[in-house]
Protein backbone atom coordinates (compact mmCIF):
# COMPACT_ATOMS: atom_id res chain seq x y z
CA MET A 1 8.63 203.01 21.49
CA LYS A 2 6.70 201.50 24.37
CA THR A 3 7.02 197.81 25.02
CA PRO A 4 3.60 196.16 25.25
CA ILE A 5 2.70 194.99 28.74
CA ALA A 6 1.68 191.37 28.96
CA ASP A 7 -1.89 190.82 30.18
CA ALA A 8 -0.66 188.99 33.28
CA ASP A 9 1.79 191.79 34.17
CA ARG A 10 -0.84 194.51 33.68
CA ASP A 11 -3.43 192.56 35.68
CA SER A 12 -0.96 191.93 38.52
CA PHE A 13 -0.05 195.63 38.60
CA LEU A 14 -3.68 196.71 38.78
CA ASP A 15 -4.80 193.98 41.17
CA ALA A 16 -2.01 194.95 43.59
CA GLY A 17 -3.71 198.34 43.96
CA ASN A 18 -1.01 200.34 42.23
CA GLY A 19 -1.65 203.74 40.71
CA ASP A 20 -4.37 206.18 41.69
CA CYS A 21 -7.13 204.44 43.59
CA TRP A 22 -9.98 206.93 43.18
CA LEU A 23 -12.49 204.11 42.82
CA ALA A 24 -11.84 203.03 46.42
CA ASN A 25 -13.90 206.09 47.39
CA PRO A 26 -17.49 204.76 47.72
CA GLY A 27 -18.93 207.96 46.20
CA VAL A 28 -16.74 207.66 43.13
CA ALA A 29 -17.46 203.93 42.81
CA ARG A 30 -21.21 204.65 43.01
CA ILE A 31 -20.95 207.15 40.14
CA VAL A 32 -19.22 204.51 38.01
CA GLU A 33 -21.80 201.88 38.92
CA ASP A 34 -24.63 204.32 38.11
CA ALA A 35 -23.02 204.97 34.70
CA LEU A 36 -22.94 201.22 34.01
CA PHE A 37 -26.66 200.95 34.73
CA HIS A 38 -27.46 204.16 32.85
CA PHE A 39 -26.28 202.68 29.56
CA ASP A 40 -27.48 199.12 30.26
CA THR A 41 -29.97 197.87 27.62
CA GLU A 42 -29.31 200.90 25.39
CA ARG A 43 -26.03 199.54 23.98
CA TYR A 44 -25.40 196.34 25.91
CA ARG A 45 -26.73 193.95 28.49
CA LEU A 46 -24.77 194.21 31.72
CA ILE A 47 -24.07 190.69 32.99
CA ALA A 48 -21.56 191.30 35.80
CA TRP A 49 -19.19 193.98 37.01
CA THR A 50 -16.81 194.84 39.79
CA VAL A 51 -15.37 198.22 40.66
CA MET A 52 -11.82 197.75 41.92
CA PRO A 53 -9.85 200.57 43.62
CA ASN A 54 -8.10 201.51 40.36
CA HIS A 55 -10.01 199.84 37.52
CA VAL A 56 -13.32 198.24 36.55
CA HIS A 57 -14.18 194.80 35.21
CA LEU A 58 -17.28 194.40 33.04
CA LEU A 59 -18.97 191.44 31.50
CA VAL A 60 -21.43 192.62 28.85
CA THR A 61 -23.28 191.30 25.87
CA PRO A 62 -23.20 194.04 23.21
CA ASN A 63 -26.44 194.84 21.44
CA GLU A 64 -26.42 194.10 17.74
CA GLY A 65 -24.22 196.59 15.93
CA ALA A 66 -22.64 198.05 19.10
CA SER A 67 -18.85 198.03 19.24
CA LEU A 68 -16.89 197.87 22.49
CA THR A 69 -15.66 201.40 21.85
CA GLU A 70 -19.29 202.57 21.58
CA ILE A 71 -19.94 200.86 24.90
CA VAL A 72 -16.88 201.93 26.90
CA ARG A 73 -16.42 205.52 25.69
CA PRO A 74 -19.78 206.88 26.97
CA ILE A 75 -19.38 205.11 30.32
CA LYS A 76 -15.96 206.65 30.81
CA SER A 77 -16.99 210.08 29.55
CA TYR A 78 -20.21 210.26 31.58
CA SER A 79 -18.65 208.95 34.80
CA ALA A 80 -15.60 211.23 34.51
CA LYS A 81 -17.82 214.30 34.09
CA CYS A 82 -19.95 213.30 37.10
CA ILE A 83 -16.86 212.59 39.23
CA HIS A 84 -15.27 215.94 38.32
CA ASP A 85 -18.55 217.76 39.00
CA ARG A 86 -18.98 216.16 42.42
CA PHE A 87 -15.40 215.91 43.68
CA GLY A 88 -13.69 218.68 41.74
CA GLY A 89 -10.93 218.32 39.25
CA SER A 90 -10.65 218.36 35.52
CA GLY A 91 -8.82 216.63 32.73
CA ARG A 92 -8.42 212.95 32.11
CA PHE A 93 -9.83 210.62 34.74
CA TRP A 94 -9.61 207.30 32.85
CA GLN A 95 -6.77 205.85 30.82
CA PRO A 96 -7.48 206.45 27.13
CA ASP A 97 -7.62 202.77 26.21
CA PHE A 98 -9.27 199.64 27.53
CA PHE A 99 -8.51 195.94 27.44
CA ASP A 100 -11.02 193.42 26.21
CA ARG A 101 -11.28 189.69 26.19
CA LEU A 102 -13.78 187.58 24.29
CA VAL A 103 -15.53 185.05 26.52
CA ARG A 104 -16.01 182.01 24.33
CA ASN A 105 -17.86 179.69 26.68
CA GLU A 106 -19.16 179.37 30.23
CA GLN A 107 -15.93 177.81 31.53
CA HIS A 108 -13.80 180.68 30.18
């Protein structure tokens, strides 16, 4: 059984640039950014984002009735297909899960 990774440990690992850093390639990062805009307004309102070398941060307001899974899955699927088509490769590009955090107020 896997031991859950604490948020701080996972964030430190990612922020240190560990793992595959495909998103450091400007062409790959542009595909991801284009995917974020492609689905903006359809399922969510994109507030802010940053594409890091090995992960992405999003701040979105979901449209009524849209779940985070319904938001994240198409972004990951669409961008992975475009990346594979342009740069070659196949199989899984993104990790199968995602981590979310509810922003309760402006200070948070």
